[in-house]
Every structure is written in C-alpha cells, then in structure tokens.
Protein backbone atom coordinates (compact mmCIF):
# COMPACT_ATOMS: atom_id res chain seq x y z
CA UNK A 1 -45.60 -49.15 -31.59
CA UNK A 2 -47.18 -52.33 -30.16
CA UNK A 3 -45.43 -51.74 -26.82
CA UNK A 4 -46.78 -48.16 -26.71
CA UNK A 5 -50.25 -49.40 -27.53
CA UNK A 6 -50.15 -51.99 -24.76
CA UNK A 7 -48.90 -49.32 -22.32
CA UNK A 8 -51.72 -47.09 -23.39
CA UNK A 9 -54.24 -49.81 -22.59
CA UNK A 10 -52.57 -50.47 -19.24
CA UNK A 11 -51.87 -46.88 -18.13
CA UNK A 12 -54.59 -46.76 -15.55
CA UNK A 13 -53.54 -50.15 -14.06
CA UNK A 14 -49.90 -48.94 -13.97
CA UNK A 15 -50.99 -45.76 -12.11
CA UNK A 16 -53.03 -47.79 -9.69
CA UNK A 17 -50.07 -50.12 -9.09
CA UNK A 18 -47.80 -47.17 -8.40
CA UNK A 19 -50.41 -45.76 -6.02
CA UNK A 20 -50.56 -49.05 -4.12
CA UNK A 21 -46.72 -49.17 -3.89
CA UNK A 22 -46.45 -45.58 -2.66
CA UNK A 23 -49.35 -46.05 -0.26
CA UNK A 24 -47.64 -49.13 1.20
CA UNK A 25 -44.35 -47.19 1.70
CA UNK A 26 -46.21 -44.38 3.42
CA UNK A 27 -48.15 -46.81 5.61
CA UNK A 28 -44.97 -48.56 6.70
CA UNK A 29 -42.62 -45.57 7.21
CA UNK A 30 -44.65 -42.36 7.52
CA UNK A 31 -45.69 -41.12 10.98
CA UNK A 32 -49.18 -41.80 12.38
CA UNK A 33 -49.84 -38.08 12.41
CA UNK A 34 -49.03 -37.64 8.70
CA UNK A 35 -51.26 -40.55 7.62
CA UNK A 36 -54.13 -39.28 9.77
CA UNK A 37 -53.74 -35.78 8.30
CA UNK A 38 -53.90 -36.96 4.67
CA UNK A 39 -56.54 -39.66 5.23
CA UNK A 40 -59.45 -37.31 4.20
CA UNK A 41 -58.00 -37.33 0.69
CA UNK A 42 -58.94 -41.00 0.48
CA UNK A 43 -62.45 -40.27 1.87
CA UNK A 44 -63.02 -37.78 -0.96
CA UNK A 45 -62.77 -40.57 -3.56
CA UNK A 46 -64.97 -42.96 -1.67
CA UNK A 47 -67.60 -40.27 -1.00
CA UNK A 48 -67.68 -39.20 -4.62
CA UNK A 49 -68.22 -42.76 -5.80
CA UNK A 50 -71.04 -43.41 -3.38
CA UNK A 51 -72.67 -40.14 -4.33
CA UNK A 52 -72.71 -41.18 -7.96
CA UNK A 53 -73.78 -44.78 -7.56
CA UNK A 54 -77.56 -44.32 -7.10
CA UNK A 55 -78.26 -41.99 -10.07
CA UNK A 56 -75.66 -43.98 -12.15
CA UNK A 57 -77.47 -47.32 -11.59
CA UNK A 58 -80.90 -45.89 -12.15
CA UNK A 59 -80.16 -43.98 -15.40
CA UNK A 60 -77.78 -46.44 -17.01
CA UNK A 61 -80.02 -49.51 -16.47
CA UNK A 62 -83.25 -47.83 -17.31
CA UNK A 63 -81.97 -46.09 -20.47
CA UNK A 64 -80.18 -49.29 -21.64
CA UNK A 65 -83.36 -51.33 -21.56
CA UNK A 66 -85.66 -48.58 -22.74
CA UNK A 67 -83.48 -47.87 -25.83
CA UNK A 68 -83.21 -51.54 -26.93
CA UNK A 69 -84.33 -52.26 -30.43
CA UNK A 70 -88.13 -52.66 -30.19
CA UNK A 71 -88.17 -54.92 -33.18
CA UNK A 72 -85.72 -57.36 -31.65
CA UNK A 73 -87.21 -60.65 -30.58
CA UNK A 74 -85.69 -63.36 -28.38
CA UNK A 75 -85.00 -66.20 -30.77
CA UNK A 76 -84.13 -69.68 -29.72
CA UNK A 77 -80.44 -68.90 -30.12
CA UNK A 78 -80.68 -65.93 -27.79
CA UNK A 79 -82.67 -67.90 -25.20
CA UNK A 80 -80.19 -70.78 -25.14
CA UNK A 81 -77.31 -68.28 -25.04
CA UNK A 82 -78.69 -66.66 -21.96
CA UNK A 83 -79.31 -70.01 -20.26
CA UNK A 84 -75.70 -71.20 -20.92
CA UNK A 85 -74.28 -67.93 -19.80
CA UNK A 86 -76.14 -68.09 -16.50
CA UNK A 87 -75.24 -71.75 -15.96
CA UNK A 88 -71.51 -71.28 -16.62
CA UNK A 89 -71.44 -68.21 -14.38
CA UNK A 90 -73.08 -70.26 -11.66
CA UNK A 91 -70.55 -73.00 -11.95
CA UNK A 92 -67.58 -70.56 -11.88
CA UNK A 93 -69.09 -68.96 -8.72
CA UNK A 94 -69.47 -72.25 -6.96
CA UNK A 95 -65.91 -73.23 -7.79
CA UNK A 96 -64.61 -69.88 -6.54
CA UNK A 97 -66.70 -70.29 -3.38
CA UNK A 98 -65.14 -73.65 -2.66
CA UNK A 99 -61.72 -72.24 -3.31
CA UNK A 100 -61.93 -69.22 -0.97
CA UNK A 101 -63.54 -71.35 1.81
CA UNK A 102 -60.58 -73.75 1.62
CA UNK A 103 -57.85 -71.07 1.38
CA UNK A 104 -58.80 -67.84 3.14
CA UNK A 105 -57.00 -64.83 1.61
CA UNK A 106 -56.86 -62.87 4.93
CA UNK A 107 -56.09 -65.70 7.37
CA UNK A 108 -52.78 -63.98 8.25
CA UNK A 109 -54.27 -60.72 9.62
CA UNK A 110 -56.24 -59.93 12.72
CA UNK A 111 -59.86 -59.15 11.92
CA UNK A 112 -61.31 -55.79 12.79
CA UNK A 113 -62.74 -55.89 16.24
CA UNK A 114 -66.47 -55.82 16.61
CA UNK A 115 -69.46 -57.99 17.25
CA UNK A 116 -70.10 -60.50 14.45
CA UNK A 117 -73.27 -59.96 12.51
CA UNK A 118 -76.03 -62.48 13.01
CA UNK A 119 -76.58 -64.91 10.14
CA UNK A 120 -79.65 -64.02 8.13
CA UNK A 121 -81.87 -66.64 6.42
CA UNK A 122 -81.64 -66.84 2.63
CA UNK A 123 -85.34 -65.95 1.99
CA UNK A 124 -85.28 -63.12 4.43
CA UNK A 125 -82.02 -61.80 2.94
CA UNK A 126 -83.52 -61.93 -0.55
CA UNK A 127 -86.75 -60.18 0.64
CA UNK A 128 -84.81 -57.39 2.27
CA UNK A 129 -82.46 -57.07 -0.69
CA UNK A 130 -85.04 -56.85 -3.53
CA UNK A 131 -87.80 -54.78 -1.91
CA UNK A 132 -88.06 -51.59 0.18
CA UNK A 133 -90.96 -50.26 2.23
CA UNK A 134 -90.96 -46.84 0.61
CA UNK A 135 -90.00 -45.27 -2.72
CA UNK A 136 -87.51 -42.91 -1.12
CA UNK A 137 -85.61 -45.89 0.29
CA UNK A 138 -84.56 -46.63 -3.23
CA UNK A 139 -82.53 -43.44 -3.29
CA UNK A 140 -79.98 -44.94 -0.92
CA UNK A 141 -76.86 -46.99 -1.63
CA UNK A 142 -78.08 -49.34 1.07
CA UNK A 143 -80.75 -50.81 -1.26
CA UNK A 144 -78.87 -51.27 -4.47
CA UNK A 145 -80.48 -54.58 -5.56
CA UNK A 146 -83.92 -53.13 -5.10
CA UNK A 147 -82.97 -50.15 -7.19
CA UNK A 148 -81.59 -52.37 -9.93
CA UNK A 149 -84.84 -54.37 -10.05
CA UNK A 150 -86.95 -51.17 -10.10
CA UNK A 151 -84.79 -49.72 -12.94
CA UNK A 152 -85.10 -52.89 -15.01
CA UNK A 153 -88.88 -52.99 -14.67
CA UNK A 154 -89.20 -49.22 -15.46
CA UNK A 155 -87.00 -49.64 -18.46
CA UNK A 156 -89.17 -52.48 -19.83
CA UNK A 157 -92.32 -50.37 -19.27
CA UNK A 158 -90.76 -47.32 -21.02
CA UNK A 159 -89.80 -49.61 -23.91
CA UNK A 160 -93.51 -50.49 -24.33
CA UNK A 161 -95.12 -47.03 -23.93
CA UNK A 162 -92.50 -44.55 -25.09
CA UNK A 163 -93.04 -45.14 -28.79
CA UNK A 164 -91.21 -41.98 -29.89
CA UNK A 165 -88.29 -42.54 -27.48
CA UNK A 166 -88.30 -39.06 -26.10
CA UNK A 167 -88.08 -40.10 -22.48
CA UNK A 168 -85.66 -42.94 -23.29
CA UNK A 169 -83.27 -40.61 -25.15
CA UNK A 170 -83.43 -38.13 -22.33
CA UNK A 171 -82.43 -40.82 -19.84
CA UNK A 172 -79.56 -41.87 -22.11
CA UNK A 173 -78.22 -38.35 -22.22
CA UNK A 174 -78.18 -38.19 -18.38
CA UNK A 175 -76.57 -41.67 -18.28
CA UNK A 176 -73.80 -40.57 -20.58
CA UNK A 177 -73.26 -37.44 -18.51
CA UNK A 178 -72.94 -39.51 -15.34
CA UNK A 179 -70.47 -41.82 -17.02
CA UNK A 180 -68.38 -38.76 -17.94
CA UNK A 181 -68.58 -37.70 -14.31
CA UNK A 182 -67.29 -41.18 -13.20
CA UNK A 183 -64.44 -40.88 -15.67
CA UNK A 184 -63.48 -37.52 -14.20
CA UNK A 185 -63.52 -38.99 -10.67
CA UNK A 186 -61.33 -41.88 -11.82
CA UNK A 187 -58.59 -39.44 -12.68
CA UNK A 188 -58.44 -38.75 -8.93
CA UNK A 189 -58.54 -42.48 -8.06
CA UNK A 190 -54.74 -43.02 -7.81
CA UNK A 191 -54.45 -40.28 -5.23
CA UNK A 192 -57.43 -41.54 -3.24
CA UNK A 193 -56.32 -45.11 -3.35
CA UNK A 194 -52.75 -44.22 -2.39
CA UNK A 195 -53.84 -42.35 0.69
CA UNK A 196 -56.44 -44.94 1.65
CA UNK A 197 -54.00 -47.81 1.24
CA UNK A 198 -51.48 -45.94 3.45
CA UNK A 199 -54.17 -45.76 6.11
CA UNK A 200 -54.94 -49.46 5.63
CA UNK A 201 -51.31 -50.51 5.99
CA UNK A 202 -50.93 -48.28 9.02
CA UNK A 203 -53.92 -50.01 10.65
CA UNK A 204 -53.21 -53.67 9.73
CA UNK A 205 -49.44 -53.56 9.11
CA UNK A 206 -47.61 -55.22 6.24
CA UNK A 207 -49.84 -58.30 6.60
CA UNK A 208 -52.53 -56.52 4.52
CA UNK A 209 -50.13 -56.35 1.59
CA UNK A 210 -49.43 -60.05 2.00
CA UNK A 211 -53.25 -60.64 2.06
CA UNK A 212 -53.68 -58.84 -1.27
CA UNK A 213 -50.89 -60.87 -2.80
CA UNK A 214 -52.45 -64.00 -1.39
CA UNK A 215 -55.85 -62.99 -2.85
CA UNK A 216 -54.20 -62.49 -6.24
CA UNK A 217 -52.54 -65.91 -6.11
CA UNK A 218 -55.83 -67.52 -5.03
CA UNK A 219 -57.57 -65.90 -7.97
CA UNK A 220 -54.87 -67.15 -10.35
CA UNK A 221 -55.09 -70.67 -8.91
CA UNK A 222 -58.88 -70.86 -9.16
CA UNK A 223 -58.75 -69.42 -12.71
CA UNK A 224 -56.21 -71.96 -13.86
CA UNK A 225 -58.27 -74.80 -12.40
CA UNK A 226 -61.49 -73.48 -13.99
CA UNK A 227 -59.79 -72.86 -17.36
CA UNK A 228 -58.14 -76.27 -17.61
CA UNK A 229 -60.99 -78.33 -16.16
CA UNK A 230 -64.22 -76.60 -17.10
CA UNK A 231 -63.32 -74.86 -20.36
CA UNK A 232 -61.93 -78.21 -21.50
CA UNK A 233 -65.17 -79.94 -20.32
CA UNK A 234 -67.31 -77.42 -22.21
CA UNK A 235 -65.29 -77.95 -25.40
CA UNK A 236 -65.56 -81.71 -24.92
CA UNK A 237 -69.32 -81.60 -24.41
CA UNK A 238 -69.61 -79.46 -27.56
CA UNK A 239 -67.34 -81.48 -29.86
CA UNK A 240 -65.76 -84.43 -28.09
CA UNK A 241 -61.97 -84.89 -28.35
CA UNK A 242 -61.88 -82.96 -31.60
CA UNK A 243 -63.67 -80.09 -29.86
CA UNK A 244 -60.98 -79.99 -27.17
CA UNK A 245 -58.23 -79.97 -29.77
CA UNK A 246 -59.98 -77.33 -31.83
CA UNK A 247 -60.34 -75.18 -28.72
CA UNK A 248 -56.72 -75.34 -27.55
CA UNK A 249 -55.46 -74.94 -31.17
CA UNK A 250 -57.09 -71.57 -31.59
CA UNK A 251 -57.70 -70.06 -28.15
CA UNK A 252 -54.14 -68.69 -27.78
CA UNK A 253 -54.99 -65.78 -30.06
CA UNK A 254 -57.91 -64.71 -27.72
CA UNK A 255 -55.68 -65.30 -24.75
CA UNK A 256 -52.99 -62.88 -25.88
CA UNK A 257 -55.37 -60.24 -27.23
CA UNK A 258 -57.38 -60.09 -24.05
CA UNK A 259 -54.24 -59.57 -21.92
CA UNK A 260 -52.84 -56.96 -24.35
CA UNK A 261 -56.12 -54.90 -24.59
CA UNK A 262 -57.49 -55.62 -21.14
CA UNK A 263 -60.95 -55.24 -22.65
CA UNK A 264 -63.67 -57.71 -23.52
CA UNK A 265 -65.12 -55.43 -26.18
CA UNK A 266 -61.75 -54.77 -27.78
CA UNK A 267 -61.19 -58.56 -27.94
CA UNK A 268 -64.48 -59.22 -29.70
CA UNK A 269 -63.11 -59.01 -33.26
CA UNK A 270 -60.48 -61.58 -32.32
CA UNK A 271 -63.02 -63.86 -30.81
CA UNK A 272 -65.15 -63.61 -33.93
CA UNK A 273 -62.10 -64.55 -36.00
CA UNK A 274 -61.27 -67.49 -33.73
CA UNK A 275 -64.96 -68.76 -33.94
CA UNK A 276 -64.67 -68.64 -37.74
CA UNK A 277 -61.46 -70.65 -37.65
CA UNK A 278 -63.13 -73.22 -35.43
CA UNK A 279 -65.96 -73.53 -37.94
CA UNK A 280 -68.59 -72.42 -35.43
CA UNK A 281 -71.88 -71.60 -37.09
CA UNK A 282 -71.83 -67.86 -37.92
CA UNK A 283 -75.57 -67.58 -37.15
CA UNK A 284 -74.72 -68.60 -33.59
CA UNK A 285 -71.43 -66.66 -33.18
CA UNK A 286 -72.91 -63.43 -34.45
CA UNK A 287 -75.47 -63.56 -31.64
CA UNK A 288 -73.50 -65.23 -28.89
CA UNK A 289 -70.08 -63.50 -28.95
CA UNK A 290 -71.28 -59.85 -29.08
CA UNK A 291 -73.69 -60.67 -26.26
CA UNK A 292 -70.95 -62.51 -24.36
CA UNK A 293 -68.62 -59.55 -24.54
CA UNK A 294 -71.08 -57.56 -22.44
CA UNK A 295 -73.02 -60.02 -20.24
CA UNK A 296 -70.85 -63.21 -19.86
CA UNK A 297 -68.06 -62.72 -17.40
CA UNK A 298 -67.01 -65.89 -15.59
CA UNK A 299 -63.75 -64.19 -14.51
CA UNK A 300 -65.74 -61.38 -12.93
CA UNK A 301 -67.98 -63.95 -11.08
CA UNK A 302 -64.90 -65.57 -9.59
CA UNK A 303 -63.55 -62.15 -8.56
CA UNK A 304 -66.80 -61.25 -6.90
CA UNK A 305 -66.71 -64.29 -4.63
CA UNK A 306 -63.11 -63.51 -3.75
CA UNK A 307 -64.06 -59.89 -2.88
CA UNK A 308 -67.00 -60.91 -0.72
CA UNK A 309 -65.08 -63.38 1.43
CA UNK A 310 -62.03 -61.10 1.59
CA UNK A 311 -64.25 -58.60 3.42
CA UNK A 312 -65.85 -61.34 5.55
CA UNK A 313 -62.40 -62.26 6.85
CA UNK A 314 -61.28 -58.68 7.36
CA UNK A 315 -64.39 -57.60 9.25
CA UNK A 316 -64.78 -60.84 11.22
CA UNK A 317 -68.21 -61.73 9.85
CA UNK A 318 -69.65 -65.24 9.69
CA UNK A 319 -69.23 -66.72 6.19
CA UNK A 320 -70.26 -70.33 6.38
CA UNK A 321 -74.05 -70.02 6.57
CA UNK A 322 -76.07 -71.48 3.72
CA UNK A 323 -77.94 -68.13 3.27
CA UNK A 324 -74.62 -66.23 3.17
CA UNK A 325 -73.09 -68.51 0.55
CA UNK A 326 -76.29 -68.50 -1.67
CA UNK A 327 -76.47 -64.77 -1.50
CA UNK A 328 -72.77 -64.51 -2.43
CA UNK A 329 -73.41 -66.76 -5.48
CA UNK A 330 -76.35 -64.64 -6.48
CA UNK A 331 -74.29 -61.49 -6.34
CA UNK A 332 -71.52 -63.18 -8.29
CA UNK A 333 -73.98 -64.14 -11.02
CA UNK A 334 -75.37 -60.62 -11.09
CA UNK A 335 -71.87 -59.24 -11.34
CA UNK A 336 -70.98 -61.62 -14.16
CA UNK A 337 -74.17 -61.58 -16.18
CA UNK A 338 -76.21 -58.46 -15.35
CA UNK A 339 -73.72 -55.86 -14.08
CA UNK A 340 -71.15 -56.57 -16.74
CA UNK A 341 -73.55 -55.33 -19.35
CA UNK A 342 -73.81 -51.96 -17.68
CA UNK A 343 -71.11 -49.23 -18.21
CA UNK A 344 -69.18 -49.10 -14.93
CA UNK A 345 -70.74 -52.36 -13.90
CA UNK A 346 -67.60 -53.47 -12.00
CA UNK A 347 -67.84 -50.57 -9.61
CA UNK A 348 -71.60 -51.03 -9.26
CA UNK A 349 -71.06 -54.68 -8.42
CA UNK A 350 -68.53 -53.73 -5.69
CA UNK A 351 -70.95 -51.13 -4.24
CA UNK A 352 -73.66 -53.82 -4.31
CA UNK A 353 -71.44 -56.10 -2.22
CA UNK A 354 -70.77 -53.36 0.35
CA UNK A 355 -74.34 -52.23 0.65
CA UNK A 356 -76.06 -55.61 0.60
CA UNK A 357 -73.89 -57.06 3.40
CA UNK A 358 -73.79 -53.82 5.39
CA UNK A 359 -69.98 -53.37 5.26
CA UNK A 360 -68.62 -49.90 6.11
CA UNK A 361 -67.98 -47.50 3.27
CA UNK A 362 -64.24 -48.03 3.62
CA UNK A 363 -64.72 -51.58 2.41
CA UNK A 364 -65.43 -50.33 -1.10
CA UNK A 365 -61.87 -49.29 -1.66
CA UNK A 366 -60.66 -52.58 -0.25
CA UNK A 367 -62.47 -54.67 -2.82
CA UNK A 368 -61.99 -52.11 -5.61
CA UNK A 369 -58.21 -52.62 -5.04
CA UNK A 370 -58.77 -56.39 -5.54
CA UNK A 371 -60.67 -55.64 -8.72
CA UNK A 372 -57.80 -53.57 -10.12
CA UNK A 373 -55.24 -56.27 -9.09
CA UNK A 374 -57.08 -59.12 -10.86
CA UNK A 375 -58.38 -57.09 -13.76
CA UNK A 376 -56.04 -58.47 -16.39
CA UNK A 377 -56.47 -62.20 -15.64
CA UNK A 378 -60.27 -61.65 -15.07
CA UNK A 379 -60.54 -60.08 -18.58
CA UNK A 380 -58.64 -63.04 -20.02
CA UNK A 381 -61.02 -65.48 -18.33
CA UNK A 382 -64.04 -63.52 -19.57
CA UNK A 383 -62.82 -63.45 -23.18
CA UNK A 384 -61.55 -67.07 -23.37
CA UNK A 385 -64.70 -68.31 -21.72
CA UNK A 386 -66.84 -66.95 -24.47
CA UNK A 387 -65.46 -69.42 -26.94
CA UNK A 388 -66.37 -72.76 -25.27
CA UNK A 389 -69.80 -71.35 -24.24
CA UNK A 390 -70.41 -70.50 -27.94
CA UNK A 391 -69.34 -73.99 -28.88
CA UNK A 392 -71.95 -75.36 -26.53
CA UNK A 393 -74.65 -73.04 -27.97
CA UNK A 394 -73.63 -74.04 -31.44
CA UNK A 395 -74.03 -77.72 -30.74
CA UNK A 396 -77.32 -77.27 -28.93
CA UNK A 397 -78.89 -75.07 -31.61
CA UNK A 398 -77.56 -77.16 -34.54
CA UNK A 399 -78.66 -80.39 -32.92
CA UNK A 400 -82.17 -79.03 -32.82
CA UNK A 401 -81.93 -77.95 -36.50
CA UNK A 402 -80.49 -81.29 -37.54
CA UNK A 403 -83.26 -83.22 -35.74
CA UNK A 404 -85.91 -81.03 -37.45
CA UNK A 405 -84.19 -81.42 -40.82
CA UNK A 406 -83.94 -85.16 -40.35
CA UNK A 407 -87.69 -85.32 -39.78
CA UNK A 408 -88.27 -83.04 -42.79
CA UNK A 409 -85.96 -85.11 -45.04
CA UNK A 410 -87.01 -88.56 -43.95
CA UNK A 411 -88.86 -90.43 -46.73
CA UNK A 412 -92.54 -91.18 -46.15
CA UNK A 413 -93.44 -94.66 -44.98
CA UNK A 414 -93.87 -97.27 -47.64
CA UNK A 415 -97.55 -97.57 -48.69
CA UNK A 416 -99.25 -100.85 -47.85
CA UNK A 417 -99.32 -103.53 -50.49
CA UNK A 418 -102.20 -102.99 -52.86
CA UNK A 419 -104.30 -105.87 -54.09
CA UNK A 420 -103.27 -107.18 -57.50
CA UNK A 421 -106.59 -106.30 -59.08
CA UNK A 422 -106.20 -102.57 -58.14
CA UNK A 423 -104.60 -100.60 -60.98
CA UNK A 424 -101.70 -98.22 -60.21
CA UNK A 425 -102.45 -95.57 -62.77
CA UNK A 426 -100.62 -92.48 -61.45
CA UNK A 427 -97.85 -93.92 -59.31
CA UNK A 428 -95.41 -94.56 -62.14
CA UNK A 429 -95.81 -91.11 -63.52
CA UNK A 430 -95.20 -89.57 -60.11
CA UNK A 431 -92.10 -91.69 -59.68
CA UNK A 432 -90.87 -90.77 -63.10
CA UNK A 433 -91.45 -87.09 -62.34
CA UNK A 434 -89.54 -87.36 -59.05
CA UNK A 435 -86.64 -89.23 -60.69
CA UNK A 436 -86.43 -86.73 -63.53
CA UNK A 437 -86.44 -83.74 -61.13
CA UNK A 438 -82.92 -82.15 -61.06
CA UNK A 439 -81.24 -82.25 -57.67
CA UNK A 440 -80.73 -78.48 -57.60
CA UNK A 441 -84.49 -77.94 -58.00
CA UNK A 442 -85.39 -80.00 -54.91
CA UNK A 443 -87.80 -78.02 -52.78
CA UNK A 444 -85.97 -78.82 -49.53
CA UNK A 445 -82.54 -77.42 -50.42
CA UNK A 446 -84.09 -74.23 -51.84
CA UNK A 447 -85.95 -73.69 -48.63
CA UNK A 448 -82.76 -74.17 -46.70
CA UNK A 449 -81.09 -71.56 -48.85
CA UNK A 450 -83.92 -69.11 -48.19
CA UNK A 451 -83.59 -69.79 -44.48
CA UNK A 452 -79.90 -69.06 -44.66
CA UNK A 453 -80.53 -65.81 -46.46
CA UNK A 454 -83.17 -64.73 -43.96
CA UNK A 455 -80.88 -65.52 -41.00
CA UNK A 456 -77.98 -63.53 -42.42
C-alpha cells in the first residue's frame, strides 16, 4: 500500500520522465520532417500556459492577500520569521550563483546563434521590471514583476476597504477556476513536453540531454553542500553542538517524508512532530512551520538560479555582470519566498524568468523541464530547511523573552542604609508577608501562565 501511495504522489513526475525519454528517442532517431510536423503539438502547451499566466498571477495574488484574516496582526514571531526566511533564501541563492558560475551546466553544447544582449544596469533593470508606462502594459507576460507588485498592492487595498468581502470572494472564485484550468492543461503537459524535447534534441543533438543530466548533478552537489554546511551552521547558531546533534538526530523523518510525498504541505505534519521532538517552543513552531511550508523554499531558490544560468548559456547571453547577478538573486528570492506561497508559483516563477530577461517563449519549456527534474530533491531541501530556520527563530524569540523575564524577575536594588535613629516600622511586616507568601501564589508565575494561555 505504501508503494502505491508513493507511486500516486509521483505519477506526474513518472509521466514527465517517460515523456522526456520518448522525446529524446524521437529527437535522435526520427526524421527531421516528422519532428517538424509534430512540433506544433509542443507549441500548444507553451501557448496555453502563457495565455493563462497573466490572469492567473493577478487573481491568485490579489485574492490571497484580500482574503487574509483581517484580525491577524504581525507579531514579533512573524516578523522575525519573515526576516530569517528572506536571509536564508538569500544565502542559498548566493551559494547557487557561485556554483553555477564555476560549473556551467551547458558548457558542452553550442549556444544558439544570435547577437548577445547588452548588459543592463541593476537600477535600470529594476525600474523597467517593476513599473510600466501604461496600465494595459500590465496585461502582458513581458511585465510579470510589475503585475505582481500591482496585484499585491491592490490586494492590500481591498483588504482595507472590502469589509464584507464580496469583491475578495469573487476574485477567489475566479482564481480557483483558473487553477482548475491549469490542472486541465497539465494533463496535456507530457505530450507537449515530449514533442518539444524531441525538437530540442533534434536541434542541439544528444548534448542537450547531457546538459540536463549535468544540471541535475550540479543541483544535487549544491544542495548537499548547502545542507551539510549551512543547515548545520544554522543548527549550531541556534543551539551549539547540542543543536547540531538534535537536528541530525531527528531530521531523517522529514527527509524521508518529503521525498515520499514530494510536497511541502503534505510534509507539514511530520515537521511539526519533528519540532516537538526537538523541544522547539510550540508558540514558535505553530507560526513558523505552517508559514514555512508555503513561503520558505531554499531548494526552489537554488533551482531558480540554475534555471536562469542554464538559459544564459543556451542562448549565449552575458551572465557575469553585477546587475545580471543581482537581478538573478532577486528573482530567486521571489521564487523561494513570494512565488512559493502562490498556487502554481513554480510555473509563475519560470515565466517570470523568461519574461524578465527577454528569453524566447520556447525557453519556458526548457526551464520547466529542469523544474520537473529537480522537483524531488528541491522539495526535500525546502522541507528540511524549515527545521533549522525554526530553531533560529525559537532562539531569537526566546532570548528576547528571557531577557525581559530576567529584568522582570531581578530583585530591586538594596535600599541605602538608613540612619540608626530612623525607625523601620513597616519593613519587617512587609518582609514577613513576602516570606509567608506561598510560591504558587507569586504574581510573576501566574502572569506567565496567563501569557501562555493567551498565546495558545
């Protein structure tokens, strides 16, 4: 039964793998005429996805923000959680960037002929990416980041003015309908990818297959380094040597579950159980881990960097400029922190890469293929990375609590010595009253108990 359950979770990945294998065989052995004849079947998939991306981004982001609990407030735990998520995603992106610059995944194939694009300054690239001169320019896949920002701001505004939630609920219905549409299109994905990959192999030869295998191995190598070095470092910063031992003693359960389910959300109950076994404060884990399962994806950030520089190599575009690298890191952080919280965020992140850098539409299927290849190890990195991040949040939050409690519990300074002729009429009575007060009636513990009740 467990085998069938695992196969059920992996059925789409198995279909995509078979599609890649069949596409490779067709590209190597089928005639040029046959591949050219069936190539429009691959264009159908790409065109459908690009047709859906603009309304999908707008309605999913706007409705998600507009329908957030209006009573929810950003507590100190939530603020520190978001900061740590962003910082860890930034570190993973930088490590991935260094890795792909050292070992290029497509160094064995001849780049597509064409004039290299001019390097664009970082500020200019950001300005062109986040703003458009006209509203109707937002309705284009070429301005994805500007559309995302517009959707976020509109969602916040609706959250403030749509008190009855009529507009927000309507947007949510349309968003769910579009997600159903994407699901229907994905049933066609194996056919589209098979045909497209056959065309790709026919154009580049067997070297493109080697490049994908190389990209997968590069991803595995970077992930192992990041897991062993940085997850260990986070655990050490959170709890010293005991924190490292505690992490490796319990993380295997999350490791296996994430690979078996191939889903961050499905692995959330396991991560909650692991956090309890590690004695992480439940007040922290109940906020951090559910949030992490949707907006903390270090594995996805690494994959985004790999996808970007894979396309740079294939299309012979310059990739060593400071602006290019900073923009790649920004996209990786968006993919790992913002996009991951949106249904279908992986595909949206891939479309953002294609549109922001001006790659041709065919590039989408290229990096989508990389996404499917590294999906299982990326999910494992996402899930396992939630634990050391939560350990850091726990230490930071509880350190603040302990410092406050220490100030609260510290005895008052000794009063100055009084002259011998001054009578001490009430001091002994007060001392006797304090000494006779039962320990379970101390005002400070009872306040702590009330705080605990309120937090839970």
